[in-house]
Structure formats: structure tokens, C-alpha cells
């Protein structure tokens, strides 16, 4: 069941970790997961993703979202 005290106020946020692949530009680095536009109340702790050090792509160790450098 959805909590009525929090669900109504969360409508402007994206569902956390909804995408499995996110393309990022070098200007976006450093990047972290979850992204700023995600709701943090039901997501994992913030972790910085080492995209550049891993041949242009890296996965979030919590949710498995793939970050790819364009």
C-alpha cells in the first residue's frame, strides 16, 4: 500500500533506477547514482560511478544501472 503522506508529494520525481542504461557526457562527470532528479527516499545510498576509469562505462554496485560515456 502506498503511504498517503509521502506519495502525493513525490509526483514530481522520477522513479529511482528506472532506466537500466544512462548515457552521460564528459561535462556530467563526476556522476553519481541515484541521479539528482530521482526520489531518494526509496532508493539506495549515493555512490559515485567511475565511468571514465572503466573504459567509458561502469555499473552502479547497488542497482546495476549502466552508465556509458558518450
C-alpha atoms as a PDB file:
ATOM      1  CA  UNK A   1       0.000   0.000   0.000  1.00  0.00           C
ATOM      2  CA  UNK A   2       1.239   3.491  -0.856  1.00  0.00           C
ATOM      3  CA  UNK A   3       1.911   5.814   2.065  1.00  0.00           C
ATOM      4  CA  UNK A   4      -0.527   8.726   1.571  1.00  0.00           C
ATOM      5  CA  UNK A   5       1.725  11.116   3.477  1.00  0.00           C
ATOM      6  CA  UNK A   6       4.643  10.755   1.079  1.00  0.00           C
ATOM      7  CA  UNK A   7       3.198   9.522  -2.218  1.00  0.00           C
ATOM      8  CA  UNK A   8       1.368  12.746  -3.070  1.00  0.00           C
ATOM      9  CA  UNK A   9       4.447  14.898  -2.604  1.00  0.00           C
ATOM     10  CA  UNK A  10       6.664  12.638  -4.736  1.00  0.00           C
ATOM     11  CA  UNK A  11       4.855  13.018  -8.075  1.00  0.00           C
ATOM     12  CA  UNK A  12       7.434  15.434  -9.488  1.00  0.00           C
ATOM     13  CA  UNK A  13      10.297  12.966  -9.036  1.00  0.00           C
ATOM     14  CA  UNK A  14      11.424  10.225 -11.393  1.00  0.00           C
ATOM     15  CA  UNK A  15      11.263   6.656 -10.223  1.00  0.00           C
ATOM     16  CA  UNK A  16      14.738   5.834  -8.929  1.00  0.00           C
ATOM     17  CA  UNK A  17      16.785   3.444 -11.030  1.00  0.00           C
ATOM     18  CA  UNK A  18      14.016   3.120 -13.623  1.00  0.00           C
ATOM     19  CA  UNK A  19      16.444   3.081 -16.558  1.00  0.00           C
ATOM     20  CA  UNK A  20      18.984   0.341 -16.924  1.00  0.00           C
ATOM     21  CA  UNK A  21      21.377   2.385 -19.113  1.00  0.00           C
ATOM     22  CA  UNK A  22      22.163   6.078 -18.798  1.00  0.00           C
ATOM     23  CA  UNK A  23      24.337   7.908 -21.314  1.00  0.00           C
ATOM     24  CA  UNK A  24      26.484  10.682 -19.852  1.00  0.00           C
ATOM     25  CA  UNK A  25      28.724  13.356 -21.341  1.00  0.00           C
ATOM     26  CA  UNK A  26      32.164  14.178 -20.002  1.00  0.00           C
ATOM     27  CA  UNK A  27      30.724  17.500 -18.773  1.00  0.00           C
ATOM     28  CA  UNK A  28      28.399  15.499 -16.475  1.00  0.00           C
ATOM     29  CA  UNK A  29      31.300  13.864 -14.637  1.00  0.00           C
ATOM     30  CA  UNK A  30      31.638  13.060 -11.837  1.00  0.00           C
ATOM     31  CA  UNK A  31      28.297  11.242 -11.915  1.00  0.00           C
ATOM     32  CA  UNK A  32      26.549   9.504  -9.072  1.00  0.00           C
ATOM     33  CA  UNK A  33      23.676   7.109  -8.658  1.00  0.00           C
ATOM     34  CA  UNK A  34      20.875   7.728  -7.911  1.00  0.00           C
ATOM     35  CA  UNK A  35      20.678  10.818 -10.089  1.00  0.00           C
ATOM     36  CA  UNK A  36      19.631  14.190  -8.612  1.00  0.00           C
ATOM     37  CA  UNK A  37      16.192  14.052 -10.233  1.00  0.00           C
ATOM     38  CA  UNK A  38      15.417  10.706  -8.562  1.00  0.00           C
ATOM     39  CA  UNK A  39      13.491  10.393  -5.372  1.00  0.00           C
ATOM     40  CA  UNK A  40      15.960   9.401  -2.660  1.00  0.00           C
ATOM     41  CA  UNK A  41      13.504   8.273  -0.019  1.00  0.00           C
ATOM     42  CA  UNK A  42      13.123   4.833  -1.586  1.00  0.00           C
ATOM     43  CA  UNK A  43      16.482   4.348  -3.238  1.00  0.00           C
ATOM     44  CA  UNK A  44      19.977   3.241  -2.301  1.00  0.00           C
ATOM     45  CA  UNK A  45      22.757   5.415  -0.826  1.00  0.00           C
ATOM     46  CA  UNK A  46      24.543   7.801  -3.185  1.00  0.00           C
ATOM     47  CA  UNK A  47      27.581   6.262  -4.849  1.00  0.00           C
ATOM     48  CA  UNK A  48      29.894   7.884  -7.394  1.00  0.00           C
ATOM     49  CA  UNK A  49      30.334   5.892 -10.594  1.00  0.00           C
ATOM     50  CA  UNK A  50      33.893   5.634 -12.036  1.00  0.00           C
ATOM     51  CA  UNK A  51      32.815   5.829 -15.688  1.00  0.00           C
ATOM     52  CA  UNK A  52      35.986   7.358 -17.105  1.00  0.00           C
ATOM     53  CA  UNK A  53      38.333   4.953 -15.317  1.00  0.00           C
ATOM     54  CA  UNK A  54      36.463   1.887 -16.621  1.00  0.00           C
ATOM     55  CA  UNK A  55      36.746   2.258 -20.402  1.00  0.00           C
ATOM     56  CA  UNK A  56      33.806   4.636 -20.649  1.00  0.00           C
ATOM     57  CA  UNK A  57      31.206   2.561 -18.853  1.00  0.00           C
ATOM     58  CA  UNK A  58      30.503   1.366 -15.347  1.00  0.00           C
ATOM     59  CA  UNK A  59      27.659  -0.185 -13.357  1.00  0.00           C
ATOM     60  CA  UNK A  60      26.182   1.001 -10.117  1.00  0.00           C
ATOM     61  CA  UNK A  61      27.087  -1.600  -7.486  1.00  0.00           C
ATOM     62  CA  UNK A  62      23.687  -1.213  -5.793  1.00  0.00           C
ATOM     63  CA  UNK A  63      21.104  -1.242  -8.574  1.00  0.00           C
ATOM     64  CA  UNK A  64      23.042  -2.347 -11.660  1.00  0.00           C
ATOM     65  CA  UNK A  65      22.274   0.763 -13.715  1.00  0.00           C
ATOM     66  CA  UNK A  66      24.849   1.045 -16.509  1.00  0.00           C
ATOM     67  CA  UNK A  67      26.439   4.449 -17.110  1.00  0.00           C
ATOM     68  CA  UNK A  68      28.013   4.942 -20.563  1.00  0.00           C
ATOM     69  CA  UNK A  69      30.233   7.830 -21.571  1.00  0.00           C
ATOM     70  CA  UNK A  70      29.307   9.329 -24.959  1.00  0.00           C
END
